[in-house]
Amino acid sequence: MRWLEKFGDCCKLNKNNNQVQFDLKTFITKYLNSNGNRSQESRFITKLEELRAKELIEIRCKIHGHDFTELLCWYIRPYLRK
């Protein structure tokens, strides 16, 4: 399956504490829809929960570099001059 081009639509900024909130349900829906696998949602969620329970991956390895860059740009965009 191909990764989403943009996932910024799945994020919101909590103005109270300046934390990014990731909407996993929206992400899963968009990800599966873009790959024509919407009918596999329950299977996808089950596998995701299984992998999360293992916690085998170091925290630093849980995001792709390009995704981090996109998230950083999304976060600082309102503070940049046009």
PDB file of N, CA and C in Angstrom:
ATOM      1  N   MET A   1       0.845  -1.181   0.000  1.00  0.00           N
ATOM      2  CA  MET A   1       0.000   0.000   0.000  1.00  0.00           C
ATOM      3  C   MET A   1       0.890   1.243   0.000  1.00  0.00           C
ATOM      4  N   ARG A   2       0.402   2.274  -0.639  1.00  0.00           N
ATOM      5  CA  ARG A   2       1.134   3.546  -0.697  1.00  0.00           C
ATOM      6  C   ARG A   2       0.761   4.425   0.479  1.00  0.00           C
ATOM      7  N   TRP A   3       1.765   5.139   1.000  1.00  0.00           N
ATOM      8  CA  TRP A   3       1.583   6.061   2.117  1.00  0.00           C
ATOM      9  C   TRP A   3       0.824   7.287   1.639  1.00  0.00           C
ATOM     10  N   LEU A   4       0.141   7.976   2.526  1.00  0.00           N
ATOM     11  CA  LEU A   4      -0.586   9.194   2.175  1.00  0.00           C
ATOM     12  C   LEU A   4       0.389  10.298   1.771  1.00  0.00           C
ATOM     13  N   GLU A   5       0.001  11.064   0.781  1.00  0.00           N
ATOM     14  CA  GLU A   5       0.811  12.212   0.358  1.00  0.00           C
ATOM     15  C   GLU A   5       0.901  13.241   1.481  1.00  0.00           C
ATOM     16  N   LYS A   6      -0.232  13.524   2.111  1.00  0.00           N
ATOM     17  CA  LYS A   6      -0.298  14.490   3.214  1.00  0.00           C
ATOM     18  C   LYS A   6      -1.155  13.903   4.316  1.00  0.00           C
ATOM     19  N   PHE A   7      -0.721  14.074   5.526  1.00  0.00           N
ATOM     20  CA  PHE A   7      -1.552  13.613   6.632  1.00  0.00           C
ATOM     21  C   PHE A   7      -1.896  14.754   7.584  1.00  0.00           C
ATOM     22  N   GLY A   8      -1.605  15.980   7.183  1.00  0.00           N
ATOM     23  CA  GLY A   8      -1.903  17.153   8.007  1.00  0.00           C
ATOM     24  C   GLY A   8      -3.381  17.308   8.318  1.00  0.00           C
ATOM     25  N   ASP A   9      -4.242  16.797   7.447  1.00  0.00           N
ATOM     26  CA  ASP A   9      -5.688  16.868   7.696  1.00  0.00           C
ATOM     27  C   ASP A   9      -6.099  15.974   8.867  1.00  0.00           C
ATOM     28  N   CYS A  10      -5.198  15.105   9.285  1.00  0.00           N
ATOM     29  CA  CYS A  10      -5.489  14.194  10.391  1.00  0.00           C
ATOM     30  C   CYS A  10      -4.957  14.745  11.715  1.00  0.00           C
ATOM     31  N   CYS A  11      -4.431  15.967  11.685  1.00  0.00           N
ATOM     32  CA  CYS A  11      -3.846  16.572  12.882  1.00  0.00           C
ATOM     33  C   CYS A  11      -4.595  17.846  13.261  1.00  0.00           C
ATOM     34  N   LYS A  12      -4.634  18.088  14.556  1.00  0.00           N
ATOM     35  CA  LYS A  12      -5.207  19.331  15.079  1.00  0.00           C
ATOM     36  C   LYS A  12      -4.270  19.837  16.154  1.00  0.00           C
ATOM     37  N   LEU A  13      -4.240  21.153  16.322  1.00  0.00           N
ATOM     38  CA  LEU A  13      -3.401  21.754  17.341  1.00  0.00           C
ATOM     39  C   LEU A  13      -4.269  22.154  18.519  1.00  0.00           C
ATOM     40  N   ASN A  14      -3.958  21.637  19.687  1.00  0.00           N
ATOM     41  CA  ASN A  14      -4.663  22.008  20.908  1.00  0.00           C
ATOM     42  C   ASN A  14      -4.098  23.348  21.367  1.00  0.00           C
ATOM     43  N   LYS A  15      -4.884  24.392  21.255  1.00  0.00           N
ATOM     44  CA  LYS A  15      -4.433  25.750  21.571  1.00  0.00           C
ATOM     45  C   LYS A  15      -4.100  25.931  23.053  1.00  0.00           C
ATOM     46  N   ASN A  16      -4.709  25.130  23.927  1.00  0.00           N
ATOM     47  CA  ASN A  16      -4.484  25.264  25.367  1.00  0.00           C
ATOM     48  C   ASN A  16      -3.064  24.880  25.771  1.00  0.00           C
ATOM     49  N   ASN A  17      -2.557  23.797  25.185  1.00  0.00           N
ATOM     50  CA  ASN A  17      -1.239  23.321  25.594  1.00  0.00           C
ATOM     51  C   ASN A  17      -0.245  23.191  24.436  1.00  0.00           C
ATOM     52  N   ASN A  18      -0.634  23.673  23.256  1.00  0.00           N
ATOM     53  CA  ASN A  18       0.232  23.655  22.066  1.00  0.00           C
ATOM     54  C   ASN A  18       0.682  22.248  21.683  1.00  0.00           C
ATOM     55  N   GLN A  19      -0.134  21.253  21.932  1.00  0.00           N
ATOM     56  CA  GLN A  19       0.189  19.889  21.553  1.00  0.00           C
ATOM     57  C   GLN A  19      -0.570  19.505  20.300  1.00  0.00           C
ATOM     58  N   VAL A  20       0.092  18.709  19.468  1.00  0.00           N
ATOM     59  CA  VAL A  20      -0.529  18.198  18.250  1.00  0.00           C
ATOM     60  C   VAL A  20      -1.329  16.961  18.617  1.00  0.00           C
ATOM     61  N   GLN A  21      -2.574  16.926  18.148  1.00  0.00           N
ATOM     62  CA  GLN A  21      -3.432  15.769  18.368  1.00  0.00           C
ATOM     63  C   GLN A  21      -3.641  15.079  17.030  1.00  0.00           C
ATOM     64  N   PHE A  22      -3.262  13.822  16.975  1.00  0.00           N
ATOM     65  CA  PHE A  22      -3.369  13.027  15.761  1.00  0.00           C
ATOM     66  C   PHE A  22      -4.662  12.235  15.808  1.00  0.00           C
ATOM     67  N   ASP A  23      -5.506  12.408  14.786  1.00  0.00           N
ATOM     68  CA  ASP A  23      -6.787  11.702  14.705  1.00  0.00           C
ATOM     69  C   ASP A  23      -6.569  10.388  13.955  1.00  0.00           C
ATOM     70  N   LEU A  24      -6.336   9.335  14.707  1.00  0.00           N
ATOM     71  CA  LEU A  24      -6.007   8.038  14.125  1.00  0.00           C
ATOM     72  C   LEU A  24      -7.144   7.495  13.260  1.00  0.00           C
ATOM     73  N   LYS A  25      -8.371   7.658  13.712  1.00  0.00           N
ATOM     74  CA  LYS A  25      -9.516   7.128  12.945  1.00  0.00           C
ATOM     75  C   LYS A  25      -9.593   7.778  11.557  1.00  0.00           C
ATOM     76  N   THR A  26      -9.434   9.100  11.503  1.00  0.00           N
ATOM     77  CA  THR A  26      -9.449   9.798  10.215  1.00  0.00           C
ATOM     78  C   THR A  26      -8.292   9.327   9.340  1.00  0.00           C
ATOM     79  N   PHE A  27      -7.113   9.177   9.949  1.00  0.00           N
ATOM     80  CA  PHE A  27      -5.946   8.711   9.198  1.00  0.00           C
ATOM     81  C   PHE A  27      -6.191   7.332   8.593  1.00  0.00           C
ATOM     82  N   ILE A  28      -6.690   6.405   9.406  1.00  0.00           N
ATOM     83  CA  ILE A  28      -6.929   5.043   8.916  1.00  0.00           C
ATOM     84  C   ILE A  28      -7.928   5.058   7.763  1.00  0.00           C
ATOM     85  N   THR A  29      -8.999   5.826   7.915  1.00  0.00           N
ATOM     86  CA  THR A  29     -10.005   5.922   6.853  1.00  0.00           C
ATOM     87  C   THR A  29      -9.386   6.455   5.567  1.00  0.00           C
ATOM     88  N   LYS A  30      -8.631   7.550   5.655  1.00  0.00           N
ATOM     89  CA  LYS A  30      -8.005   8.132   4.453  1.00  0.00           C
ATOM     90  C   LYS A  30      -6.971   7.191   3.850  1.00  0.00           C
ATOM     91  N   TYR A  31      -6.188   6.562   4.700  1.00  0.00           N
ATOM     92  CA  TYR A  31      -5.137   5.650   4.235  1.00  0.00           C
ATOM     93  C   TYR A  31      -5.745   4.463   3.485  1.00  0.00           C
ATOM     94  N   LEU A  32      -6.742   3.851   4.080  1.00  0.00           N
ATOM     95  CA  LEU A  32      -7.366   2.693   3.431  1.00  0.00           C
ATOM     96  C   LEU A  32      -8.134   3.092   2.183  1.00  0.00           C
ATOM     97  N   ASN A  33      -8.837   4.226   2.219  1.00  0.00           N
ATOM     98  CA  ASN A  33      -9.566   4.699   1.038  1.00  0.00           C
ATOM     99  C   ASN A  33      -8.620   4.965  -0.126  1.00  0.00           C
ATOM    100  N   SER A  34      -7.494   5.599   0.160  1.00  0.00           N
ATOM    101  CA  SER A  34      -6.562   5.955  -0.925  1.00  0.00           C
ATOM    102  C   SER A  34      -5.928   4.722  -1.558  1.00  0.00           C
ATOM    103  N   ASN A  35      -5.965   3.617  -0.853  1.00  0.00           N
ATOM    104  CA  ASN A  35      -5.389   2.380  -1.372  1.00  0.00           C
ATOM    105  C   ASN A  35      -6.445   1.357  -1.773  1.00  0.00           C
ATOM    106  N   GLY A  36      -7.715   1.777  -1.754  1.00  0.00           N
ATOM    107  CA  GLY A  36      -8.798   0.887  -2.174  1.00  0.00           C
ATOM    108  C   GLY A  36      -9.008  -0.298  -1.244  1.00  0.00           C
ATOM    109  N   ASN A  37      -8.700  -0.122   0.041  1.00  0.00           N
ATOM    110  CA  ASN A  37      -8.831  -1.219   1.000  1.00  0.00           C
ATOM    111  C   ASN A  37      -9.748  -0.877   2.173  1.00  0.00           C
ATOM    112  N   ARG A  38     -10.741  -0.052   1.953  1.00  0.00           N
ATOM    113  CA  ARG A  38     -11.636   0.390   3.034  1.00  0.00           C
ATOM    114  C   ARG A  38     -12.311  -0.796   3.725  1.00  0.00           C
ATOM    115  N   SER A  39     -12.573  -1.849   2.991  1.00  0.00           N
ATOM    116  CA  SER A  39     -13.259  -3.014   3.563  1.00  0.00           C
ATOM    117  C   SER A  39     -12.373  -3.778   4.553  1.00  0.00           C
ATOM    118  N   GLN A  40     -11.096  -3.468   4.587  1.00  0.00           N
ATOM    119  CA  GLN A  40     -10.153  -4.166   5.458  1.00  0.00           C
ATOM    120  C   GLN A  40      -9.889  -3.423   6.779  1.00  0.00           C
ATOM    121  N   GLU A  41     -10.754  -2.450   7.117  1.00  0.00           N
ATOM    122  CA  GLU A  41     -10.508  -1.607   8.295  1.00  0.00           C
ATOM    123  C   GLU A  41     -10.351  -2.418   9.579  1.00  0.00           C
ATOM    124  N   SER A  42     -11.240  -3.338   9.845  1.00  0.00           N
ATOM    125  CA  SER A  42     -11.153  -4.093  11.103  1.00  0.00           C
ATOM    126  C   SER A  42      -9.875  -4.923  11.152  1.00  0.00           C
ATOM    127  N   ARG A  43      -9.496  -5.503  10.043  1.00  0.00           N
ATOM    128  CA  ARG A  43      -8.249  -6.281   9.974  1.00  0.00           C
ATOM    129  C   ARG A  43      -7.042  -5.378  10.202  1.00  0.00           C
ATOM    130  N   PHE A  44      -7.055  -4.194   9.609  1.00  0.00           N
ATOM    131  CA  PHE A  44      -5.970  -3.229   9.761  1.00  0.00           C
ATOM    132  C   PHE A  44      -5.831  -2.800  11.225  1.00  0.00           C
ATOM    133  N   ILE A  45      -6.946  -2.465  11.870  1.00  0.00           N
ATOM    134  CA  ILE A  45      -6.926  -2.021  13.270  1.00  0.00           C
ATOM    135  C   ILE A  45      -6.434  -3.146  14.183  1.00  0.00           C
ATOM    136  N   THR A  46      -6.882  -4.368  13.916  1.00  0.00           N
ATOM    137  CA  THR A  46      -6.431  -5.512  14.717  1.00  0.00           C
ATOM    138  C   THR A  46      -4.922  -5.677  14.625  1.00  0.00           C
ATOM    139  N   LYS A  47      -4.385  -5.597  13.429  1.00  0.00           N
ATOM    140  CA  LYS A  47      -2.939  -5.738  13.230  1.00  0.00           C
ATOM    141  C   LYS A  47      -2.188  -4.578  13.878  1.00  0.00           C
ATOM    142  N   LEU A  48      -2.711  -3.377  13.765  1.00  0.00           N
ATOM    143  CA  LEU A  48      -2.088  -2.204  14.377  1.00  0.00           C
ATOM    144  C   LEU A  48      -2.015  -2.373  15.898  1.00  0.00           C
ATOM    145  N   GLU A  49      -3.089  -2.815  16.509  1.00  0.00           N
ATOM    146  CA  GLU A  49      -3.103  -3.037  17.957  1.00  0.00           C
ATOM    147  C   GLU A  49      -2.130  -4.130  18.363  1.00  0.00           C
ATOM    148  N   GLU A  50      -2.031  -5.158  17.537  1.00  0.00           N
ATOM    149  CA  GLU A  50      -1.090  -6.255  17.805  1.00  0.00           C
ATOM    150  C   GLU A  50       0.353  -5.742  17.787  1.00  0.00           C
ATOM    151  N   LEU A  51       0.680  -4.929  16.794  1.00  0.00           N
ATOM    152  CA  LEU A  51       2.031  -4.387  16.697  1.00  0.00           C
ATOM    153  C   LEU A  51       2.330  -3.394  17.818  1.00  0.00           C
ATOM    154  N   ARG A  52       1.349  -2.602  18.193  1.00  0.00           N
ATOM    155  CA  ARG A  52       1.544  -1.648  19.295  1.00  0.00           C
ATOM    156  C   ARG A  52       1.780  -2.370  20.611  1.00  0.00           C
ATOM    157  N   ALA A  53       1.137  -3.501  20.814  1.00  0.00           N
ATOM    158  CA  ALA A  53       1.279  -4.255  22.059  1.00  0.00           C
ATOM    159  C   ALA A  53       2.694  -4.805  22.217  1.00  0.00           C
ATOM    160  N   LYS A  54       3.364  -5.075  21.123  1.00  0.00           N
ATOM    161  CA  LYS A  54       4.712  -5.635  21.176  1.00  0.00           C
ATOM    162  C   LYS A  54       5.744  -4.608  21.616  1.00  0.00           C
ATOM    163  N   GLU A  55       5.556  -3.339  21.244  1.00  0.00           N
ATOM    164  CA  GLU A  55       6.479  -2.259  21.632  1.00  0.00           C
ATOM    165  C   GLU A  55       7.930  -2.637  21.377  1.00  0.00           C
ATOM    166  N   LEU A  56       8.194  -3.237  20.236  1.00  0.00           N
ATOM    167  CA  LEU A  56       9.553  -3.674  19.923  1.00  0.00           C
ATOM    168  C   LEU A  56      10.426  -2.565  19.362  1.00  0.00           C
ATOM    169  N   ILE A  57       9.810  -1.534  18.857  1.00  0.00           N
ATOM    170  CA  ILE A  57      10.556  -0.489  18.166  1.00  0.00           C
ATOM    171  C   ILE A  57      10.876   0.647  19.127  1.00  0.00           C
ATOM    172  N   GLU A  58      12.112   1.103  19.073  1.00  0.00           N
ATOM    173  CA  GLU A  58      12.513   2.246  19.884  1.00  0.00           C
ATOM    174  C   GLU A  58      11.690   3.470  19.477  1.00  0.00           C
ATOM    175  N   ILE A  59      11.372   4.318  20.417  1.00  0.00           N
ATOM    176  CA  ILE A  59      10.487   5.474  20.198  1.00  0.00           C
ATOM    177  C   ILE A  59      10.976   6.352  19.045  1.00  0.00           C
ATOM    178  N   ARG A  60      12.287   6.504  18.886  1.00  0.00           N
ATOM    179  CA  ARG A  60      12.821   7.355  17.822  1.00  0.00           C
ATOM    180  C   ARG A  60      12.541   6.794  16.436  1.00  0.00           C
ATOM    181  N   CYS A  61      12.230   5.514  16.347  1.00  0.00           N
ATOM    182  CA  CYS A  61      12.011   4.861  15.059  1.00  0.00           C
ATOM    183  C   CYS A  61      10.532   4.761  14.694  1.00  0.00           C
ATOM    184  N   LYS A  62       9.682   5.455  15.419  1.00  0.00           N
ATOM    185  CA  LYS A  62       8.244   5.327  15.189  1.00  0.00           C
ATOM    186  C   LYS A  62       7.673   6.367  14.236  1.00  0.00           C
ATOM    187  N   ILE A  63       8.525   7.147  13.582  1.00  0.00           N
ATOM    188  CA  ILE A  63       8.048   8.114  12.594  1.00  0.00           C
ATOM    189  C   ILE A  63       9.060   8.159  11.453  1.00  0.00           C
ATOM    190  N   HIS A  64       8.567   8.262  10.244  1.00  0.00           N
ATOM    191  CA  HIS A  64       9.440   8.420   9.087  1.00  0.00           C
ATOM    192  C   HIS A  64       9.981   9.842   9.079  1.00  0.00           C
ATOM    193  N   GLY A  65      11.196  10.008   8.619  1.00  0.00           N
ATOM    194  CA  GLY A  65      11.810  11.337   8.564  1.00  0.00           C
ATOM    195  C   GLY A  65      10.988  12.322   7.757  1.00  0.00           C
ATOM    196  N   HIS A  66      10.453  11.886   6.615  1.00  0.00           N
ATOM    197  CA  HIS A  66       9.643  12.770   5.781  1.00  0.00           C
ATOM    198  C   HIS A  66       8.343  13.160   6.492  1.00  0.00           C
ATOM    199  N   ASP A  67       7.784  12.230   7.235  1.00  0.00           N
ATOM    200  CA  ASP A  67       6.556  12.526   7.978  1.00  0.00           C
ATOM    201  C   ASP A  67       6.825  13.530   9.083  1.00  0.00           C
ATOM    202  N   PHE A  68       7.969  13.386   9.755  1.00  0.00           N
ATOM    203  CA  PHE A  68       8.330  14.345  10.791  1.00  0.00           C
ATOM    204  C   PHE A  68       8.497  15.734  10.193  1.00  0.00           C
ATOM    205  N   THR A  69       9.170  15.816   9.052  1.00  0.00           N
ATOM    206  CA  THR A  69       9.372  17.106   8.379  1.00  0.00           C
ATOM    207  C   THR A  69       8.045  17.725   7.986  1.00  0.00           C
ATOM    208  N   GLU A  70       7.129  16.911   7.451  1.00  0.00           N
ATOM    209  CA  GLU A  70       5.812  17.425   7.072  1.00  0.00           C
ATOM    210  C   GLU A  70       5.060  17.936   8.302  1.00  0.00           C
ATOM    211  N   LEU A  71       5.116  17.189   9.394  1.00  0.00           N
ATOM    212  CA  LEU A  71       4.444  17.602  10.624  1.00  0.00           C
ATOM    213  C   LEU A  71       5.051  18.889  11.174  1.00  0.00           C
ATOM    214  N   LEU A  72       6.363  18.996  11.152  1.00  0.00           N
ATOM    215  CA  LEU A  72       7.036  20.204  11.614  1.00  0.00           C
ATOM    216  C   LEU A  72       6.615  21.410  10.778  1.00  0.00           C
ATOM    217  N   CYS A  73       6.596  21.261   9.455  1.00  0.00           N
ATOM    218  CA  CYS A  73       6.158  22.351   8.563  1.00  0.00           C
ATOM    219  C   CYS A  73       4.707  22.728   8.836  1.00  0.00           C
ATOM    220  N   TRP A  74       3.855  21.722   9.032  1.00  0.00           N
ATOM    221  CA  TRP A  74       2.438  21.971   9.335  1.00  0.00           C
ATOM    222  C   TRP A  74       2.322  22.778  10.625  1.00  0.00           C
ATOM    223  N   TYR A  75       3.145  22.435  11.619  1.00  0.00           N
ATOM    224  CA  TYR A  75       3.084  23.087  12.928  1.00  0.00           C
ATOM    225  C   TYR A  75       3.567  24.535  12.887  1.00  0.00           C
ATOM    226  N   ILE A  76       4.645  24.803  12.160  1.00  0.00           N
ATOM    227  CA  ILE A  76       5.221  26.156  12.163  1.00  0.00           C
ATOM    228  C   ILE A  76       4.660  27.077  11.077  1.00  0.00           C
ATOM    229  N   ARG A  77       3.908  26.531  10.132  1.00  0.00           N
ATOM    230  CA  ARG A  77       3.370  27.316   9.021  1.00  0.00           C
ATOM    231  C   ARG A  77       2.646  28.598   9.486  1.00  0.00           C
ATOM    232  N   PRO A  78       1.794  28.547  10.510  1.00  0.00           N
ATOM    233  CA  PRO A  78       1.087  29.759  10.926  1.00  0.00           C
ATOM    234  C   PRO A  78       2.021  30.854  11.477  1.00  0.00           C
ATOM    235  N   TYR A  79       3.215  30.485  11.876  1.00  0.00           N
ATOM    236  CA  TYR A  79       4.143  31.447  12.462  1.00  0.00           C
ATOM    237  C   TYR A  79       5.096  32.065  11.438  1.00  0.00           C
ATOM    238  N   LEU A  80       5.088  31.555  10.234  1.00  0.00           N
ATOM    239  CA  LEU A  80       5.973  32.069   9.192  1.00  0.00           C
ATOM    240  C   LEU A  80       5.339  33.215   8.443  1.00  0.00           C
ATOM    241  N   ARG A  81       6.167  34.125   7.989  1.00  0.00           N
ATOM    242  CA  ARG A  81       5.652  35.216   7.146  1.00  0.00           C
ATOM    243  C   ARG A  81       5.310  34.662   5.781  1.00  0.00           C
ATOM    244  N   LYS A  82       4.355  35.279   5.169  1.00  0.00           N
ATOM    245  CA  LYS A  82       3.959  34.823   3.828  1.00  0.00           C
ATOM    246  C   LYS A  82       4.809  35.491   2.802  1.00  0.00           C
TER     247      LYS A  82
END
